[in-house]
Amino acid sequence: MTLSAAAYYAPYQIRLNVIAPGLVRTPMSARAQSDPNILDFLKHKQPLKGTLIEADEIARVAHFLLSQDSYPMTGEVIRADAGWAITG
């Protein structure tokens, strides 16, 4: 869907990129934050952090995507998952 939308809007100079985060420390993840089993699971699933990702870390990825530094990028899915996708 991202590629299709990016292809449609590129002639209008509109870029579309997606952020795919792992488990982020937010009010919505409060239950997970207090579950010792989930916290132990994250040591393996998010090996770059070993715990939940902070919201400001995801915000920095968004800031990059909104900046001119990411100008040539469109149709990308940016995994900001602290390694979740590579752990199988």
PDB file of N, CA and C in Angstrom:
ATOM      1  N   MET A   1       0.815  -1.176   0.000  1.00  0.00           N
ATOM      2  CA  MET A   1       0.000   0.000   0.000  1.00  0.00           C
ATOM      3  C   MET A   1       0.874   1.262   0.000  1.00  0.00           C
ATOM      4  N   THR A   2       1.953   1.214   0.782  1.00  0.00           N
ATOM      5  CA  THR A   2       2.847   2.376   0.836  1.00  0.00           C
ATOM      6  C   THR A   2       3.462   2.643  -0.532  1.00  0.00           C
ATOM      7  N   LEU A   3       3.924   1.579  -1.195  1.00  0.00           N
ATOM      8  CA  LEU A   3       4.527   1.749  -2.519  1.00  0.00           C
ATOM      9  C   LEU A   3       3.515   2.280  -3.523  1.00  0.00           C
ATOM     10  N   SER A   4       2.306   1.770  -3.461  1.00  0.00           N
ATOM     11  CA  SER A   4       1.274   2.213  -4.393  1.00  0.00           C
ATOM     12  C   SER A   4       0.950   3.694  -4.185  1.00  0.00           C
ATOM     13  N   ALA A   5       0.776   4.089  -2.933  1.00  0.00           N
ATOM     14  CA  ALA A   5       0.479   5.493  -2.641  1.00  0.00           C
ATOM     15  C   ALA A   5       1.659   6.387  -2.998  1.00  0.00           C
ATOM     16  N   ALA A   6       2.875   5.920  -2.709  1.00  0.00           N
ATOM     17  CA  ALA A   6       4.066   6.704  -3.047  1.00  0.00           C
ATOM     18  C   ALA A   6       4.168   6.897  -4.558  1.00  0.00           C
ATOM     19  N   ALA A   7       3.874   5.848  -5.319  1.00  0.00           N
ATOM     20  CA  ALA A   7       3.936   5.948  -6.782  1.00  0.00           C
ATOM     21  C   ALA A   7       2.884   6.926  -7.310  1.00  0.00           C
ATOM     22  N   TYR A   8       1.705   6.900  -6.707  1.00  0.00           N
ATOM     23  CA  TYR A   8       0.638   7.789  -7.141  1.00  0.00           C
ATOM     24  C   TYR A   8       0.978   9.256  -6.868  1.00  0.00           C
ATOM     25  N   TYR A   9       1.523   9.536  -5.692  1.00  0.00           N
ATOM     26  CA  TYR A   9       1.743  10.922  -5.283  1.00  0.00           C
ATOM     27  C   TYR A   9       3.100  11.503  -5.669  1.00  0.00           C
ATOM     28  N   ALA A  10       4.041  10.679  -6.062  1.00  0.00           N
ATOM     29  CA  ALA A  10       5.381  11.178  -6.416  1.00  0.00           C
ATOM     30  C   ALA A  10       5.347  12.262  -7.501  1.00  0.00           C
ATOM     31  N   PRO A  11       4.535  12.145  -8.541  1.00  0.00           N
ATOM     32  CA  PRO A  11       4.501  13.221  -9.544  1.00  0.00           C
ATOM     33  C   PRO A  11       4.049  14.572  -8.981  1.00  0.00           C
ATOM     34  N   TYR A  12       3.409  14.540  -7.814  1.00  0.00           N
ATOM     35  CA  TYR A  12       2.971  15.772  -7.154  1.00  0.00           C
ATOM     36  C   TYR A  12       3.982  16.246  -6.104  1.00  0.00           C
ATOM     37  N   GLN A  13       5.149  15.600  -6.102  1.00  0.00           N
ATOM     38  CA  GLN A  13       6.216  15.926  -5.153  1.00  0.00           C
ATOM     39  C   GLN A  13       5.821  15.626  -3.705  1.00  0.00           C
ATOM     40  N   ILE A  14       4.963  14.648  -3.519  1.00  0.00           N
ATOM     41  CA  ILE A  14       4.543  14.225  -2.183  1.00  0.00           C
ATOM     42  C   ILE A  14       5.176  12.875  -1.899  1.00  0.00           C
ATOM     43  N   ARG A  15       5.868  12.796  -0.769  1.00  0.00           N
ATOM     44  CA  ARG A  15       6.542  11.558  -0.377  1.00  0.00           C
ATOM     45  C   ARG A  15       5.719  10.829   0.678  1.00  0.00           C
ATOM     46  N   LEU A  16       5.744   9.506   0.633  1.00  0.00           N
ATOM     47  CA  LEU A  16       5.070   8.687   1.634  1.00  0.00           C
ATOM     48  C   LEU A  16       6.039   7.642   2.167  1.00  0.00           C
ATOM     49  N   ASN A  17       6.245   7.674   3.460  1.00  0.00           N
ATOM     50  CA  ASN A  17       7.082   6.697   4.138  1.00  0.00           C
ATOM     51  C   ASN A  17       6.353   6.263   5.401  1.00  0.00           C
ATOM     52  N   VAL A  18       6.696   5.092   5.882  1.00  0.00           N
ATOM     53  CA  VAL A  18       6.025   4.508   7.042  1.00  0.00           C
ATOM     54  C   VAL A  18       7.054   4.199   8.113  1.00  0.00           C
ATOM     55  N   ILE A  19       6.692   4.441   9.362  1.00  0.00           N
ATOM     56  CA  ILE A  19       7.511   4.026  10.498  1.00  0.00           C
ATOM     57  C   ILE A  19       6.858   2.797  11.112  1.00  0.00           C
ATOM     58  N   ALA A  20       7.632   1.728  11.264  1.00  0.00           N
ATOM     59  CA  ALA A  20       7.152   0.490  11.879  1.00  0.00           C
ATOM     60  C   ALA A  20       7.902   0.297  13.195  1.00  0.00           C
ATOM     61  N   PRO A  21       7.331   0.793  14.294  1.00  0.00           N
ATOM     62  CA  PRO A  21       8.032   0.701  15.574  1.00  0.00           C
ATOM     63  C   PRO A  21       7.841  -0.656  16.244  1.00  0.00           C
ATOM     64  N   GLY A  22       8.727  -0.951  17.166  1.00  0.00           N
ATOM     65  CA  GLY A  22       8.538  -2.093  18.049  1.00  0.00           C
ATOM     66  C   GLY A  22       7.636  -1.660  19.196  1.00  0.00           C
ATOM     67  N   LEU A  23       7.851  -2.255  20.373  1.00  0.00           N
ATOM     68  CA  LEU A  23       7.049  -1.902  21.536  1.00  0.00           C
ATOM     69  C   LEU A  23       7.615  -0.636  22.169  1.00  0.00           C
ATOM     70  N   VAL A  24       6.801   0.410  22.185  1.00  0.00           N
ATOM     71  CA  VAL A  24       7.218   1.741  22.623  1.00  0.00           C
ATOM     72  C   VAL A  24       6.589   2.063  23.977  1.00  0.00           C
ATOM     73  N   ARG A  25       7.370   2.723  24.833  1.00  0.00           N
ATOM     74  CA  ARG A  25       6.866   3.139  26.146  1.00  0.00           C
ATOM     75  C   ARG A  25       5.905   4.327  25.961  1.00  0.00           C
ATOM     76  N   THR A  26       4.616   4.029  26.044  1.00  0.00           N
ATOM     77  CA  THR A  26       3.560   5.044  25.935  1.00  0.00           C
ATOM     78  C   THR A  26       2.465   4.665  26.936  1.00  0.00           C
ATOM     79  N   PRO A  27       1.502   5.539  27.164  1.00  0.00           N
ATOM     80  CA  PRO A  27       0.387   5.157  28.035  1.00  0.00           C
ATOM     81  C   PRO A  27      -0.349   3.906  27.534  1.00  0.00           C
ATOM     82  N   MET A  28      -0.392   3.730  26.214  1.00  0.00           N
ATOM     83  CA  MET A  28      -1.088   2.564  25.655  1.00  0.00           C
ATOM     84  C   MET A  28      -0.384   1.244  25.992  1.00  0.00           C
ATOM     85  N   SER A  29       0.929   1.292  26.223  1.00  0.00           N
ATOM     86  CA  SER A  29       1.666   0.066  26.535  1.00  0.00           C
ATOM     87  C   SER A  29       1.890  -0.105  28.040  1.00  0.00           C
ATOM     88  N   ALA A  30       1.133   0.613  28.861  1.00  0.00           N
ATOM     89  CA  ALA A  30       1.323   0.574  30.320  1.00  0.00           C
ATOM     90  C   ALA A  30       1.220  -0.840  30.878  1.00  0.00           C
ATOM     91  N   ARG A  31       0.277  -1.620  30.399  1.00  0.00           N
ATOM     92  CA  ARG A  31       0.123  -2.990  30.905  1.00  0.00           C
ATOM     93  C   ARG A  31       1.370  -3.814  30.604  1.00  0.00           C
ATOM     94  N   ALA A  32       1.904  -3.675  29.390  1.00  0.00           N
ATOM     95  CA  ALA A  32       3.120  -4.406  29.023  1.00  0.00           C
ATOM     96  C   ALA A  32       4.310  -3.962  29.866  1.00  0.00           C
ATOM     97  N   GLN A  33       4.361  -2.681  30.187  1.00  0.00           N
ATOM     98  CA  GLN A  33       5.466  -2.142  30.964  1.00  0.00           C
ATOM     99  C   GLN A  33       5.535  -2.733  32.366  1.00  0.00           C
ATOM    100  N   SER A  34       4.407  -3.172  32.873  1.00  0.00           N
ATOM    101  CA  SER A  34       4.375  -3.716  34.230  1.00  0.00           C
ATOM    102  C   SER A  34       4.361  -5.243  34.264  1.00  0.00           C
ATOM    103  N   ASP A  35       4.481  -5.877  33.101  1.00  0.00           N
ATOM    104  CA  ASP A  35       4.450  -7.343  33.029  1.00  0.00           C
ATOM    105  C   ASP A  35       5.881  -7.879  32.942  1.00  0.00           C
ATOM    106  N   PRO A  36       6.370  -8.554  33.985  1.00  0.00           N
ATOM    107  CA  PRO A  36       7.750  -9.047  33.968  1.00  0.00           C
ATOM    108  C   PRO A  36       8.027 -10.031  32.825  1.00  0.00           C
ATOM    109  N   ASN A  37       7.010 -10.785  32.403  1.00  0.00           N
ATOM    110  CA  ASN A  37       7.206 -11.724  31.293  1.00  0.00           C
ATOM    111  C   ASN A  37       7.458 -10.981  29.982  1.00  0.00           C
ATOM    112  N   ILE A  38       6.717  -9.925  29.757  1.00  0.00           N
ATOM    113  CA  ILE A  38       6.911  -9.132  28.534  1.00  0.00           C
ATOM    114  C   ILE A  38       8.252  -8.429  28.575  1.00  0.00           C
ATOM    115  N   LEU A  39       8.611  -7.875  29.713  1.00  0.00           N
ATOM    116  CA  LEU A  39       9.908  -7.197  29.835  1.00  0.00           C
ATOM    117  C   LEU A  39      11.055  -8.170  29.588  1.00  0.00           C
ATOM    118  N   ASP A  40      10.915  -9.403  30.071  1.00  0.00           N
ATOM    119  CA  ASP A  40      11.930 -10.425  29.814  1.00  0.00           C
ATOM    120  C   ASP A  40      11.963 -10.797  28.329  1.00  0.00           C
ATOM    121  N   PHE A  41      10.784 -10.889  27.707  1.00  0.00           N
ATOM    122  CA  PHE A  41      10.662 -11.188  26.283  1.00  0.00           C
ATOM    123  C   PHE A  41      11.368 -10.122  25.437  1.00  0.00           C
ATOM    124  N   LEU A  42      11.255  -8.867  25.856  1.00  0.00           N
ATOM    125  CA  LEU A  42      11.861  -7.768  25.099  1.00  0.00           C
ATOM    126  C   LEU A  42      13.380  -7.817  25.090  1.00  0.00           C
ATOM    127  N   LYS A  43      13.969  -8.448  26.084  1.00  0.00           N
ATOM    128  CA  LYS A  43      15.433  -8.588  26.096  1.00  0.00           C
ATOM    129  C   LYS A  43      15.901  -9.324  24.847  1.00  0.00           C
ATOM    130  N   HIS A  44      15.086 -10.255  24.371  1.00  0.00           N
ATOM    131  CA  HIS A  44      15.401 -11.013  23.150  1.00  0.00           C
ATOM    132  C   HIS A  44      14.850 -10.327  21.901  1.00  0.00           C
ATOM    133  N   LYS A  45      13.593  -9.858  21.964  1.00  0.00           N
ATOM    134  CA  LYS A  45      12.929  -9.325  20.768  1.00  0.00           C
ATOM    135  C   LYS A  45      13.398  -7.936  20.355  1.00  0.00           C
ATOM    136  N   GLN A  46      13.871  -7.141  21.288  1.00  0.00           N
ATOM    137  CA  GLN A  46      14.369  -5.802  20.969  1.00  0.00           C
ATOM    138  C   GLN A  46      15.799  -5.702  21.496  1.00  0.00           C
ATOM    139  N   PRO A  47      16.713  -6.482  20.897  1.00  0.00           N
ATOM    140  CA  PRO A  47      18.056  -6.601  21.461  1.00  0.00           C
ATOM    141  C   PRO A  47      18.866  -5.303  21.469  1.00  0.00           C
ATOM    142  N   LEU A  48      18.549  -4.362  20.603  1.00  0.00           N
ATOM    143  CA  LEU A  48      19.303  -3.104  20.628  1.00  0.00           C
ATOM    144  C   LEU A  48      19.006  -2.294  21.885  1.00  0.00           C
ATOM    145  N   LYS A  49      17.803  -2.455  22.434  1.00  0.00           N
ATOM    146  CA  LYS A  49      17.415  -1.747  23.657  1.00  0.00           C
ATOM    147  C   LYS A  49      17.387  -2.680  24.863  1.00  0.00           C
ATOM    148  N   GLY A  50      16.877  -3.884  24.658  1.00  0.00           N
ATOM    149  CA  GLY A  50      16.698  -4.807  25.766  1.00  0.00           C
ATOM    150  C   GLY A  50      15.465  -4.485  26.597  1.00  0.00           C
ATOM    151  N   THR A  51      14.736  -3.466  26.199  1.00  0.00           N
ATOM    152  CA  THR A  51      13.526  -3.034  26.888  1.00  0.00           C
ATOM    153  C   THR A  51      12.672  -2.252  25.891  1.00  0.00           C
ATOM    154  N   LEU A  52      11.695  -1.516  26.404  1.00  0.00           N
ATOM    155  CA  LEU A  52      10.826  -0.738  25.522  1.00  0.00           C
ATOM    156  C   LEU A  52      11.585   0.409  24.867  1.00  0.00           C
ATOM    157  N   ILE A  53      11.146   0.762  23.678  1.00  0.00           N
ATOM    158  CA  ILE A  53      11.689   1.917  22.955  1.00  0.00           C
ATOM    159  C   ILE A  53      11.025   3.163  23.537  1.00  0.00           C
ATOM    160  N   GLU A  54      11.773   4.232  23.644  1.00  0.00           N
ATOM    161  CA  GLU A  54      11.207   5.483  24.152  1.00  0.00           C
ATOM    162  C   GLU A  54      10.520   6.234  23.003  1.00  0.00           C
ATOM    163  N   ALA A  55       9.431   6.920  23.326  1.00  0.00           N
ATOM    164  CA  ALA A  55       8.673   7.648  22.311  1.00  0.00           C
ATOM    165  C   ALA A  55       9.535   8.684  21.593  1.00  0.00           C
ATOM    166  N   ASP A  56      10.467   9.317  22.308  1.00  0.00           N
ATOM    167  CA  ASP A  56      11.303  10.331  21.654  1.00  0.00           C
ATOM    168  C   ASP A  56      12.254   9.712  20.638  1.00  0.00           C
ATOM    169  N   GLU A  57      12.574   8.436  20.806  1.00  0.00           N
ATOM    170  CA  GLU A  57      13.417   7.766  19.810  1.00  0.00           C
ATOM    171  C   GLU A  57      12.656   7.587  18.497  1.00  0.00           C
ATOM    172  N   ILE A  58      11.386   7.276  18.586  1.00  0.00           N
ATOM    173  CA  ILE A  58      10.553   7.166  17.384  1.00  0.00           C
ATOM    174  C   ILE A  58      10.336   8.557  16.798  1.00  0.00           C
ATOM    175  N   ALA A  59      10.166   9.537  17.649  1.00  0.00           N
ATOM    176  CA  ALA A  59       9.976  10.913  17.174  1.00  0.00           C
ATOM    177  C   ALA A  59      11.188  11.388  16.373  1.00  0.00           C
ATOM    178  N   ARG A  60      12.396  10.979  16.759  1.00  0.00           N
ATOM    179  CA  ARG A  60      13.584  11.381  15.997  1.00  0.00           C
ATOM    180  C   ARG A  60      13.584  10.764  14.605  1.00  0.00           C
ATOM    181  N   VAL A  61      13.077   9.544  14.475  1.00  0.00           N
ATOM    182  CA  VAL A  61      12.944   8.925  13.155  1.00  0.00           C
ATOM    183  C   VAL A  61      11.937   9.721  12.322  1.00  0.00           C
ATOM    184  N   ALA A  62      10.812  10.082  12.932  1.00  0.00           N
ATOM    185  CA  ALA A  62       9.804  10.882  12.231  1.00  0.00           C
ATOM    186  C   ALA A  62      10.381  12.232  11.816  1.00  0.00           C
ATOM    187  N   HIS A  63      11.145  12.828  12.698  1.00  0.00           N
ATOM    188  CA  HIS A  63      11.757  14.128  12.390  1.00  0.00           C
ATOM    189  C   HIS A  63      12.672  14.003  11.176  1.00  0.00           C
ATOM    190  N   PHE A  64      13.466  12.934  11.129  1.00  0.00           N
ATOM    191  CA  PHE A  64      14.324  12.702   9.962  1.00  0.00           C
ATOM    192  C   PHE A  64      13.491  12.578   8.694  1.00  0.00           C
ATOM    193  N   LEU A  65      12.410  11.787   8.749  1.00  0.00           N
ATOM    194  CA  LEU A  65      11.588  11.585   7.559  1.00  0.00           C
ATOM    195  C   LEU A  65      10.915  12.875   7.100  1.00  0.00           C
ATOM    196  N   LEU A  66      10.664  13.787   8.019  1.00  0.00           N
ATOM    197  CA  LEU A  66      10.056  15.068   7.666  1.00  0.00           C
ATOM    198  C   LEU A  66      11.073  16.097   7.193  1.00  0.00           C
ATOM    199  N   SER A  67      12.344  15.800   7.379  1.00  0.00           N
ATOM    200  CA  SER A  67      13.393  16.754   7.028  1.00  0.00           C
ATOM    201  C   SER A  67      13.820  16.617   5.566  1.00  0.00           C
ATOM    202  N   GLN A  68      14.542  17.609   5.101  1.00  0.00           N
ATOM    203  CA  GLN A  68      15.088  17.569   3.741  1.00  0.00           C
ATOM    204  C   GLN A  68      16.163  16.490   3.598  1.00  0.00           C
ATOM    205  N   ASP A  69      16.740  16.046   4.706  1.00  0.00           N
ATOM    206  CA  ASP A  69      17.754  14.987   4.641  1.00  0.00           C
ATOM    207  C   ASP A  69      17.188  13.692   4.062  1.00  0.00           C
ATOM    208  N   SER A  70      15.882  13.490   4.202  1.00  0.00           N
ATOM    209  CA  SER A  70      15.269  12.266   3.673  1.00  0.00           C
ATOM    210  C   SER A  70      14.580  12.505   2.333  1.00  0.00           C
ATOM    211  N   TYR A  71      14.854  13.641   1.718  1.00  0.00           N
ATOM    212  CA  TYR A  71      14.130  14.038   0.509  1.00  0.00           C
ATOM    213  C   TYR A  71      14.061  12.954  -0.574  1.00  0.00           C
ATOM    214  N   PRO A  72      15.128  12.222  -0.903  1.00  0.00           N
ATOM    215  CA  PRO A  72      14.991  11.268  -2.000  1.00  0.00           C
ATOM    216  C   PRO A  72      14.240   9.987  -1.634  1.00  0.00           C
ATOM    217  N   MET A  73      13.812   9.854  -0.400  1.00  0.00           N
ATOM    218  CA  MET A  73      13.142   8.626   0.041  1.00  0.00           C
ATOM    219  C   MET A  73      11.630   8.740  -0.146  1.00  0.00           C
ATOM    220  N   THR A  74      11.041   7.710  -0.716  1.00  0.00           N
ATOM    221  CA  THR A  74       9.588   7.592  -0.761  1.00  0.00           C
ATOM    222  C   THR A  74       9.233   6.122  -0.918  1.00  0.00           C
ATOM    223  N   GLY A  75       8.115   5.734  -0.365  1.00  0.00           N
ATOM    224  CA  GLY A  75       7.669   4.353  -0.446  1.00  0.00           C
ATOM    225  C   GLY A  75       8.411   3.416   0.484  1.00  0.00           C
ATOM    226  N   GLU A  76       9.092   3.954   1.477  1.00  0.00           N
ATOM    227  CA  GLU A  76       9.897   3.134   2.388  1.00  0.00           C
ATOM    228  C   GLU A  76       9.151   2.798   3.666  1.00  0.00           C
ATOM    229  N   VAL A  77       9.423   1.610   4.192  1.00  0.00           N
ATOM    230  CA  VAL A  77       8.976   1.228   5.523  1.00  0.00           C
ATOM    231  C   VAL A  77      10.218   1.237   6.395  1.00  0.00           C
ATOM    232  N   ILE A  78      10.269   2.141   7.339  1.00  0.00           N
ATOM    233  CA  ILE A  78      11.420   2.291   8.221  1.00  0.00           C
ATOM    234  C   ILE A  78      11.131   1.539   9.508  1.00  0.00           C
ATOM    235  N   ARG A  79      11.874   0.483   9.733  1.00  0.00           N
ATOM    236  CA  ARG A  79      11.707  -0.281  10.972  1.00  0.00           C
ATOM    237  C   ARG A  79      12.480   0.425  12.080  1.00  0.00           C
ATOM    238  N   ALA A  80      11.770   0.872  13.060  1.00  0.00           N
ATOM    239  CA  ALA A  80      12.376   1.472  14.244  1.00  0.00           C
ATOM    240  C   ALA A  80      11.980   0.577  15.412  1.00  0.00           C
ATOM    241  N   ASP A  81      12.406  -0.679  15.326  1.00  0.00           N
ATOM    242  CA  ASP A  81      11.914  -1.710  16.233  1.00  0.00           C
ATOM    243  C   ASP A  81      12.970  -2.288  17.170  1.00  0.00           C
ATOM    244  N   ALA A  82      14.122  -1.631  17.242  1.00  0.00           N
ATOM    245  CA  ALA A  82      15.218  -2.067  18.131  1.00  0.00           C
ATOM    246  C   ALA A  82      15.656  -3.500  17.857  1.00  0.00           C
ATOM    247  N   GLY A  83      15.412  -3.963  16.631  1.00  0.00           N
ATOM    248  CA  GLY A  83      15.853  -5.299  16.234  1.00  0.00           C
ATOM    249  C   GLY A  83      14.772  -6.363  16.214  1.00  0.00           C
ATOM    250  N   TRP A  84      13.538  -5.997  16.524  1.00  0.00           N
ATOM    251  CA  TRP A  84      12.444  -6.976  16.584  1.00  0.00           C
ATOM    252  C   TRP A  84      12.379  -7.820  15.311  1.00  0.00           C
ATOM    253  N   ALA A  85      12.434  -7.189  14.157  1.00  0.00           N
ATOM    254  CA  ALA A  85      12.257  -7.896  12.879  1.00  0.00           C
ATOM    255  C   ALA A  85      13.360  -8.903  12.590  1.00  0.00           C
ATOM    256  N   ILE A  86      14.521  -8.725  13.174  1.00  0.00           N
ATOM    257  CA  ILE A  86      15.635  -9.642  12.867  1.00  0.00           C
ATOM    258  C   ILE A  86      15.765 -10.793  13.840  1.00  0.00           C
ATOM    259  N   THR A  87      14.923 -10.809  14.884  1.00  0.00           N
ATOM    260  CA  THR A  87      15.069 -11.840  15.900  1.00  0.00           C
ATOM    261  C   THR A  87      14.262 -13.104  15.617  1.00  0.00           C
ATOM    262  N   GLY A  88      13.424 -13.065  14.600  1.00  0.00           N
ATOM    263  CA  GLY A  88      12.676 -14.251  14.201  1.00  0.00           C
ATOM    264  C   GLY A  88      11.531 -14.619  15.069  1.00  0.00           C
TER     265      GLY A  88
END
